[in-house]
Amino acid sequence: MAKQMCQSCGQPLKDEIKGTEANGLPSLLYCSLCYANGAFIDPDITLEQMQETCIKAMRQMHFPKFFAKHIAKSQIPKLKRWQSK
């Protein structure tokens, strides 16, 4: 089974970091860094800003710069949040 990932930032969507829907249930699509109480935490963030945020986060986790940029630029635009933008 493929790993489930946040459909906003792309990080692995583990139960302990799932965002919440308006009814308090865990989100099936988004992590708690991106989504809470049924809404995006930063609703006005652009795709490019999300990519830069994710690159910085991956660099802090010691991913090589080229790898972080490649993942952010190639994978994040494919996620559900960014499909209609």
PDB file of N, CA and C in Angstrom:
ATOM      1  N   MET A   1       0.847  -1.190   0.000  1.00  0.00           N
ATOM      2  CA  MET A   1       0.000   0.000   0.000  1.00  0.00           C
ATOM      3  C   MET A   1       0.888   1.248   0.000  1.00  0.00           C
ATOM      4  N   ALA A   2       0.560   2.199  -0.840  1.00  0.00           N
ATOM      5  CA  ALA A   2       1.341   3.434  -0.916  1.00  0.00           C
ATOM      6  C   ALA A   2       1.133   4.257   0.352  1.00  0.00           C
ATOM      7  N   LYS A   3       2.176   4.978   0.724  1.00  0.00           N
ATOM      8  CA  LYS A   3       2.071   5.836   1.901  1.00  0.00           C
ATOM      9  C   LYS A   3       1.092   6.967   1.608  1.00  0.00           C
ATOM     10  N   GLN A   4       0.262   7.241   2.578  1.00  0.00           N
ATOM     11  CA  GLN A   4      -0.650   8.367   2.461  1.00  0.00           C
ATOM     12  C   GLN A   4       0.137   9.628   2.796  1.00  0.00           C
ATOM     13  N   MET A   5      -0.096  10.698   2.043  1.00  0.00           N
ATOM     14  CA  MET A   5       0.616  11.937   2.314  1.00  0.00           C
ATOM     15  C   MET A   5      -0.351  13.107   2.361  1.00  0.00           C
ATOM     16  N   CYS A   6       0.056  14.120   3.098  1.00  0.00           N
ATOM     17  CA  CYS A   6      -0.737  15.341   3.178  1.00  0.00           C
ATOM     18  C   CYS A   6      -0.904  15.888   1.766  1.00  0.00           C
ATOM     19  N   GLN A   7      -2.126  16.200   1.415  1.00  0.00           N
ATOM     20  CA  GLN A   7      -2.421  16.689   0.078  1.00  0.00           C
ATOM     21  C   GLN A   7      -2.238  18.199  -0.049  1.00  0.00           C
ATOM     22  N   SER A   8      -1.493  18.766   0.886  1.00  0.00           N
ATOM     23  CA  SER A   8      -1.122  20.173   0.826  1.00  0.00           C
ATOM     24  C   SER A   8       0.398  20.317   0.791  1.00  0.00           C
ATOM     25  N   CYS A   9       1.089  19.647   1.732  1.00  0.00           N
ATOM     26  CA  CYS A   9       2.546  19.805   1.827  1.00  0.00           C
ATOM     27  C   CYS A   9       3.336  18.562   1.441  1.00  0.00           C
ATOM     28  N   GLY A  10       2.685  17.415   1.403  1.00  0.00           N
ATOM     29  CA  GLY A  10       3.342  16.198   0.961  1.00  0.00           C
ATOM     30  C   GLY A  10       4.009  15.362   2.030  1.00  0.00           C
ATOM     31  N   GLN A  11       3.981  15.792   3.277  1.00  0.00           N
ATOM     32  CA  GLN A  11       4.622  14.980   4.308  1.00  0.00           C
ATOM     33  C   GLN A  11       3.783  13.737   4.590  1.00  0.00           C
ATOM     34  N   PRO A  12       4.416  12.655   5.058  1.00  0.00           N
ATOM     35  CA  PRO A  12       3.650  11.443   5.375  1.00  0.00           C
ATOM     36  C   PRO A  12       2.530  11.763   6.370  1.00  0.00           C
ATOM     37  N   LEU A  13       1.348  11.261   6.065  1.00  0.00           N
ATOM     38  CA  LEU A  13       0.161  11.578   6.868  1.00  0.00           C
ATOM     39  C   LEU A  13      -0.085  10.471   7.877  1.00  0.00           C
ATOM     40  N   LYS A  14       0.639  10.552   8.972  1.00  0.00           N
ATOM     41  CA  LYS A  14       0.491   9.583  10.062  1.00  0.00           C
ATOM     42  C   LYS A  14      -0.671  10.017  10.950  1.00  0.00           C
ATOM     43  N   ASP A  15      -1.278   9.056  11.628  1.00  0.00           N
ATOM     44  CA  ASP A  15      -2.433   9.358  12.475  1.00  0.00           C
ATOM     45  C   ASP A  15      -2.161  10.465  13.476  1.00  0.00           C
ATOM     46  N   GLU A  16      -0.958  10.474  14.060  1.00  0.00           N
ATOM     47  CA  GLU A  16      -0.663  11.447  15.116  1.00  0.00           C
ATOM     48  C   GLU A  16      -0.488  12.877  14.614  1.00  0.00           C
ATOM     49  N   ILE A  17      -0.386  13.069  13.306  1.00  0.00           N
ATOM     50  CA  ILE A  17      -0.232  14.443  12.800  1.00  0.00           C
ATOM     51  C   ILE A  17      -1.347  14.855  11.844  1.00  0.00           C
ATOM     52  N   LYS A  18      -2.435  14.093  11.803  1.00  0.00           N
ATOM     53  CA  LYS A  18      -3.542  14.455  10.922  1.00  0.00           C
ATOM     54  C   LYS A  18      -4.204  15.738  11.416  1.00  0.00           C
ATOM     55  N   GLY A  19      -4.591  16.579  10.461  1.00  0.00           N
ATOM     56  CA  GLY A  19      -5.371  17.767  10.792  1.00  0.00           C
ATOM     57  C   GLY A  19      -6.766  17.352  11.222  1.00  0.00           C
ATOM     58  N   THR A  20      -7.598  18.324  11.516  1.00  0.00           N
ATOM     59  CA  THR A  20      -8.955  18.019  11.967  1.00  0.00           C
ATOM     60  C   THR A  20      -9.997  18.677  11.071  1.00  0.00           C
ATOM     61  N   GLU A  21     -11.112  17.983  10.932  1.00  0.00           N
ATOM     62  CA  GLU A  21     -12.257  18.528  10.213  1.00  0.00           C
ATOM     63  C   GLU A  21     -13.052  19.415  11.178  1.00  0.00           C
ATOM     64  N   ALA A  22     -14.034  20.130  10.657  1.00  0.00           N
ATOM     65  CA  ALA A  22     -14.837  21.038  11.481  1.00  0.00           C
ATOM     66  C   ALA A  22     -15.547  20.290  12.612  1.00  0.00           C
ATOM     67  N   ASN A  23     -15.865  19.021  12.389  1.00  0.00           N
ATOM     68  CA  ASN A  23     -16.556  18.229  13.414  1.00  0.00           C
ATOM     69  C   ASN A  23     -15.590  17.583  14.408  1.00  0.00           C
ATOM     70  N   GLY A  24     -14.297  17.877  14.273  1.00  0.00           N
ATOM     71  CA  GLY A  24     -13.296  17.358  15.194  1.00  0.00           C
ATOM     72  C   GLY A  24     -12.670  16.036  14.781  1.00  0.00           C
ATOM     73  N   LEU A  25     -13.202  15.392  13.765  1.00  0.00           N
ATOM     74  CA  LEU A  25     -12.637  14.131  13.300  1.00  0.00           C
ATOM     75  C   LEU A  25     -11.327  14.375  12.553  1.00  0.00           C
ATOM     76  N   PRO A  26     -10.448  13.389  12.548  1.00  0.00           N
ATOM     77  CA  PRO A  26      -9.182  13.555  11.821  1.00  0.00           C
ATOM     78  C   PRO A  26      -9.420  13.714  10.318  1.00  0.00           C
ATOM     79  N   SER A  27      -8.644  14.566   9.706  1.00  0.00           N
ATOM     80  CA  SER A  27      -8.718  14.753   8.263  1.00  0.00           C
ATOM     81  C   SER A  27      -8.106  13.548   7.565  1.00  0.00           C
ATOM     82  N   LEU A  28      -8.714  13.134   6.499  1.00  0.00           N
ATOM     83  CA  LEU A  28      -8.181  12.028   5.706  1.00  0.00           C
ATOM     84  C   LEU A  28      -7.188  12.524   4.658  1.00  0.00           C
ATOM     85  N   LEU A  29      -7.103  13.859   4.494  1.00  0.00           N
ATOM     86  CA  LEU A  29      -6.273  14.417   3.426  1.00  0.00           C
ATOM     87  C   LEU A  29      -5.124  15.301   3.883  1.00  0.00           C
ATOM     88  N   TYR A  30      -5.262  15.961   5.032  1.00  0.00           N
ATOM     89  CA  TYR A  30      -4.318  17.006   5.385  1.00  0.00           C
ATOM     90  C   TYR A  30      -3.720  16.835   6.791  1.00  0.00           C
ATOM     91  N   CYS A  31      -2.487  17.301   6.944  1.00  0.00           N
ATOM     92  CA  CYS A  31      -1.797  17.243   8.237  1.00  0.00           C
ATOM     93  C   CYS A  31      -2.174  18.449   9.114  1.00  0.00           C
ATOM     94  N   SER A  32      -1.784  18.363  10.367  1.00  0.00           N
ATOM     95  CA  SER A  32      -2.112  19.423  11.326  1.00  0.00           C
ATOM     96  C   SER A  32      -1.315  20.706  11.095  1.00  0.00           C
ATOM     97  N   LEU A  33      -0.237  20.645  10.323  1.00  0.00           N
ATOM     98  CA  LEU A  33       0.509  21.866  10.003  1.00  0.00           C
ATOM     99  C   LEU A  33      -0.198  22.674   8.922  1.00  0.00           C
ATOM    100  N   CYS A  34      -1.034  21.999   8.139  1.00  0.00           N
ATOM    101  CA  CYS A  34      -1.715  22.654   7.021  1.00  0.00           C
ATOM    102  C   CYS A  34      -3.202  22.907   7.267  1.00  0.00           C
ATOM    103  N   TYR A  35      -3.826  22.121   8.162  1.00  0.00           N
ATOM    104  CA  TYR A  35      -5.282  22.092   8.221  1.00  0.00           C
ATOM    105  C   TYR A  35      -5.765  21.866   9.644  1.00  0.00           C
ATOM    106  N   ALA A  36      -6.733  22.659  10.080  1.00  0.00           N
ATOM    107  CA  ALA A  36      -7.317  22.499  11.416  1.00  0.00           C
ATOM    108  C   ALA A  36      -8.752  23.012  11.417  1.00  0.00           C
ATOM    109  N   ASN A  37      -9.601  22.319  12.131  1.00  0.00           N
ATOM    110  CA  ASN A  37     -11.008  22.723  12.282  1.00  0.00           C
ATOM    111  C   ASN A  37     -11.703  22.921  10.936  1.00  0.00           C
ATOM    112  N   GLY A  38     -11.355  22.086   9.961  1.00  0.00           N
ATOM    113  CA  GLY A  38     -12.029  22.118   8.666  1.00  0.00           C
ATOM    114  C   GLY A  38     -11.556  23.194   7.708  1.00  0.00           C
ATOM    115  N   ALA A  39     -10.425  23.828   8.001  1.00  0.00           N
ATOM    116  CA  ALA A  39      -9.944  24.905   7.122  1.00  0.00           C
ATOM    117  C   ALA A  39      -8.414  24.898   7.066  1.00  0.00           C
ATOM    118  N   PHE A  40      -7.886  25.429   5.974  1.00  0.00           N
ATOM    119  CA  PHE A  40      -6.438  25.550   5.871  1.00  0.00           C
ATOM    120  C   PHE A  40      -5.935  26.595   6.855  1.00  0.00           C
ATOM    121  N   ILE A  41      -4.823  26.310   7.500  1.00  0.00           N
ATOM    122  CA  ILE A  41      -4.232  27.225   8.475  1.00  0.00           C
ATOM    123  C   ILE A  41      -3.745  28.491   7.786  1.00  0.00           C
ATOM    124  N   ASP A  42      -3.175  28.353   6.607  1.00  0.00           N
ATOM    125  CA  ASP A  42      -2.721  29.509   5.821  1.00  0.00           C
ATOM    126  C   ASP A  42      -3.422  29.454   4.458  1.00  0.00           C
ATOM    127  N   PRO A  43      -4.672  29.928   4.396  1.00  0.00           N
ATOM    128  CA  PRO A  43      -5.458  29.771   3.174  1.00  0.00           C
ATOM    129  C   PRO A  43      -4.912  30.542   1.965  1.00  0.00           C
ATOM    130  N   ASP A  44      -4.100  31.538   2.200  1.00  0.00           N
ATOM    131  CA  ASP A  44      -3.618  32.368   1.097  1.00  0.00           C
ATOM    132  C   ASP A  44      -2.216  32.009   0.617  1.00  0.00           C
ATOM    133  N   ILE A  45      -1.619  30.959   1.189  1.00  0.00           N
ATOM    134  CA  ILE A  45      -0.278  30.572   0.763  1.00  0.00           C
ATOM    135  C   ILE A  45      -0.328  30.132  -0.704  1.00  0.00           C
ATOM    136  N   THR A  46       0.677  30.516  -1.446  1.00  0.00           N
ATOM    137  CA  THR A  46       0.740  30.120  -2.853  1.00  0.00           C
ATOM    138  C   THR A  46       1.495  28.798  -2.977  1.00  0.00           C
ATOM    139  N   LEU A  47       1.375  28.178  -4.122  1.00  0.00           N
ATOM    140  CA  LEU A  47       2.122  26.952  -4.391  1.00  0.00           C
ATOM    141  C   LEU A  47       3.613  27.196  -4.215  1.00  0.00           C
ATOM    142  N   GLU A  48       4.102  28.300  -4.744  1.00  0.00           N
ATOM    143  CA  GLU A  48       5.527  28.607  -4.653  1.00  0.00           C
ATOM    144  C   GLU A  48       5.970  28.808  -3.208  1.00  0.00           C
ATOM    145  N   GLN A  49       5.148  29.464  -2.404  1.00  0.00           N
ATOM    146  CA  GLN A  49       5.468  29.652  -0.989  1.00  0.00           C
ATOM    147  C   GLN A  49       5.474  28.310  -0.250  1.00  0.00           C
ATOM    148  N   MET A  50       4.527  27.432  -0.578  1.00  0.00           N
ATOM    149  CA  MET A  50       4.496  26.109   0.041  1.00  0.00           C
ATOM    150  C   MET A  50       5.749  25.327  -0.343  1.00  0.00           C
ATOM    151  N   GLN A  51       6.152  25.417  -1.599  1.00  0.00           N
ATOM    152  CA  GLN A  51       7.361  24.717  -2.025  1.00  0.00           C
ATOM    153  C   GLN A  51       8.574  25.215  -1.244  1.00  0.00           C
ATOM    154  N   GLU A  52       8.710  26.502  -1.075  1.00  0.00           N
ATOM    155  CA  GLU A  52       9.844  27.062  -0.323  1.00  0.00           C
ATOM    156  C   GLU A  52       9.794  26.641   1.144  1.00  0.00           C
ATOM    157  N   THR A  53       8.597  26.636   1.726  1.00  0.00           N
ATOM    158  CA  THR A  53       8.440  26.200   3.116  1.00  0.00           C
ATOM    159  C   THR A  53       8.869  24.742   3.265  1.00  0.00           C
ATOM    160  N   CYS A  54       8.469  23.916   2.329  1.00  0.00           N
ATOM    161  CA  CYS A  54       8.814  22.490   2.390  1.00  0.00           C
ATOM    162  C   CYS A  54      10.308  22.262   2.158  1.00  0.00           C
ATOM    163  N   ILE A  55      10.903  23.027   1.263  1.00  0.00           N
ATOM    164  CA  ILE A  55      12.352  22.919   1.035  1.00  0.00           C
ATOM    165  C   ILE A  55      13.098  23.251   2.325  1.00  0.00           C
ATOM    166  N   LYS A  56      12.699  24.345   2.979  1.00  0.00           N
ATOM    167  CA  LYS A  56      13.346  24.729   4.240  1.00  0.00           C
ATOM    168  C   LYS A  56      13.190  23.639   5.292  1.00  0.00           C
ATOM    169  N   ALA A  57      11.987  23.065   5.396  1.00  0.00           N
ATOM    170  CA  ALA A  57      11.745  22.009   6.389  1.00  0.00           C
ATOM    171  C   ALA A  57      12.599  20.780   6.093  1.00  0.00           C
ATOM    172  N   MET A  58      12.688  20.399   4.835  1.00  0.00           N
ATOM    173  CA  MET A  58      13.505  19.236   4.480  1.00  0.00           C
ATOM    174  C   MET A  58      14.990  19.503   4.718  1.00  0.00           C
ATOM    175  N   ARG A  59      15.430  20.716   4.470  1.00  0.00           N
ATOM    176  CA  ARG A  59      16.837  21.072   4.725  1.00  0.00           C
ATOM    177  C   ARG A  59      17.143  20.990   6.217  1.00  0.00           C
ATOM    178  N   GLN A  60      16.187  21.406   7.066  1.00  0.00           N
ATOM    179  CA  GLN A  60      16.373  21.314   8.516  1.00  0.00           C
ATOM    180  C   GLN A  60      16.452  19.860   8.969  1.00  0.00           C
ATOM    181  N   MET A  61      15.867  18.959   8.176  1.00  0.00           N
ATOM    182  CA  MET A  61      15.946  17.525   8.479  1.00  0.00           C
ATOM    183  C   MET A  61      17.158  16.894   7.783  1.00  0.00           C
ATOM    184  N   HIS A  62      18.028  17.744   7.250  1.00  0.00           N
ATOM    185  CA  HIS A  62      19.296  17.330   6.639  1.00  0.00           C
ATOM    186  C   HIS A  62      19.163  16.613   5.301  1.00  0.00           C
ATOM    187  N   PHE A  63      18.053  16.861   4.595  1.00  0.00           N
ATOM    188  CA  PHE A  63      17.971  16.369   3.226  1.00  0.00           C
ATOM    189  C   PHE A  63      18.902  17.213   2.365  1.00  0.00           C
ATOM    190  N   PRO A  64      19.570  16.632   1.384  1.00  0.00           N
ATOM    191  CA  PRO A  64      20.400  17.430   0.477  1.00  0.00           C
ATOM    192  C   PRO A  64      19.543  18.460  -0.260  1.00  0.00           C
ATOM    193  N   LYS A  65      20.123  19.635  -0.519  1.00  0.00           N
ATOM    194  CA  LYS A  65      19.385  20.726  -1.147  1.00  0.00           C
ATOM    195  C   LYS A  65      18.781  20.312  -2.487  1.00  0.00           C
ATOM    196  N   PHE A  66      19.576  19.641  -3.328  1.00  0.00           N
ATOM    197  CA  PHE A  66      19.077  19.246  -4.651  1.00  0.00           C
ATOM    198  C   PHE A  66      17.871  18.322  -4.522  1.00  0.00           C
ATOM    199  N   PHE A  67      17.899  17.423  -3.537  1.00  0.00           N
ATOM    200  CA  PHE A  67      16.810  16.479  -3.335  1.00  0.00           C
ATOM    201  C   PHE A  67      15.557  17.207  -2.843  1.00  0.00           C
ATOM    202  N   ALA A  68      15.731  18.084  -1.865  1.00  0.00           N
ATOM    203  CA  ALA A  68      14.596  18.845  -1.322  1.00  0.00           C
ATOM    204  C   ALA A  68      13.927  19.666  -2.415  1.00  0.00           C
ATOM    205  N   LYS A  69      14.726  20.341  -3.229  1.00  0.00           N
ATOM    206  CA  LYS A  69      14.160  21.152  -4.315  1.00  0.00           C
ATOM    207  C   LYS A  69      13.442  20.276  -5.338  1.00  0.00           C
ATOM    208  N   HIS A  70      14.047  19.155  -5.681  1.00  0.00           N
ATOM    209  CA  HIS A  70      13.434  18.256  -6.657  1.00  0.00           C
ATOM    210  C   HIS A  70      12.078  17.756  -6.164  1.00  0.00           C
ATOM    211  N   ILE A  71      12.026  17.291  -4.927  1.00  0.00           N
ATOM    212  CA  ILE A  71      10.768  16.780  -4.370  1.00  0.00           C
ATOM    213  C   ILE A  71       9.708  17.881  -4.326  1.00  0.00           C
ATOM    214  N   ALA A  72      10.085  19.045  -3.815  1.00  0.00           N
ATOM    215  CA  ALA A  72       9.119  20.141  -3.685  1.00  0.00           C
ATOM    216  C   ALA A  72       8.591  20.589  -5.046  1.00  0.00           C
ATOM    217  N   LYS A  73       9.463  20.714  -6.008  1.00  0.00           N
ATOM    218  CA  LYS A  73       9.055  21.219  -7.332  1.00  0.00           C
ATOM    219  C   LYS A  73       8.305  20.172  -8.151  1.00  0.00           C
ATOM    220  N   SER A  74       8.639  18.895  -7.970  1.00  0.00           N
ATOM    221  CA  SER A  74       8.004  17.864  -8.796  1.00  0.00           C
ATOM    222  C   SER A  74       6.757  17.251  -8.160  1.00  0.00           C
ATOM    223  N   GLN A  75       6.703  17.181  -6.825  1.00  0.00           N
ATOM    224  CA  GLN A  75       5.613  16.469  -6.171  1.00  0.00           C
ATOM    225  C   GLN A  75       4.495  17.366  -5.629  1.00  0.00           C
ATOM    226  N   ILE A  76       4.835  18.489  -5.056  1.00  0.00           N
ATOM    227  CA  ILE A  76       3.799  19.329  -4.426  1.00  0.00           C
ATOM    228  C   ILE A  76       2.743  19.804  -5.434  1.00  0.00           C
ATOM    229  N   PRO A  77       3.108  20.202  -6.650  1.00  0.00           N
ATOM    230  CA  PRO A  77       2.061  20.622  -7.595  1.00  0.00           C
ATOM    231  C   PRO A  77       1.054  19.520  -7.938  1.00  0.00           C
ATOM    232  N   LYS A  78       1.390  18.279  -7.709  1.00  0.00           N
ATOM    233  CA  LYS A  78       0.505  17.154  -8.014  1.00  0.00           C
ATOM    234  C   LYS A  78      -0.506  16.876  -6.903  1.00  0.00           C
ATOM    235  N   LEU A  79      -0.339  17.508  -5.742  1.00  0.00           N
ATOM    236  CA  LEU A  79      -1.219  17.259  -4.598  1.00  0.00           C
ATOM    237  C   LEU A  79      -2.570  17.932  -4.785  1.00  0.00           C
ATOM    238  N   LYS A  80      -3.590  17.352  -4.157  1.00  0.00           N
ATOM    239  CA  LYS A  80      -4.987  17.789  -4.334  1.00  0.00           C
ATOM    240  C   LYS A  80      -5.178  19.300  -4.108  1.00  0.00           C
ATOM    241  N   ARG A  81      -4.580  19.858  -3.085  1.00  0.00           N
ATOM    242  CA  ARG A  81      -4.781  21.288  -2.791  1.00  0.00           C
ATOM    243  C   ARG A  81      -4.387  22.174  -3.961  1.00  0.00           C
ATOM    244  N   TRP A  82      -3.403  21.780  -4.721  1.00  0.00           N
ATOM    245  CA  TRP A  82      -2.842  22.630  -5.772  1.00  0.00           C
ATOM    246  C   TRP A  82      -3.378  22.309  -7.160  1.00  0.00           C
ATOM    247  N   GLN A  83      -4.224  21.315  -7.286  1.00  0.00           N
ATOM    248  CA  GLN A  83      -4.725  20.903  -8.589  1.00  0.00           C
ATOM    249  C   GLN A  83      -5.647  21.941  -9.239  1.00  0.00           C
ATOM    250  N   SER A  84      -6.394  22.660  -8.457  1.00  0.00           N
ATOM    251  CA  SER A  84      -7.359  23.616  -9.022  1.00  0.00           C
ATOM    252  C   SER A  84      -6.803  25.031  -9.119  1.00  0.00           C
ATOM    253  N   LYS A  85      -5.527  25.199  -8.746  1.00  0.00           N
ATOM    254  CA  LYS A  85      -4.957  26.551  -8.721  1.00  0.00           C
ATOM    255  C   LYS A  85      -4.081  26.795  -9.912  1.00  0.00           C
TER     256      LYS A  85
END
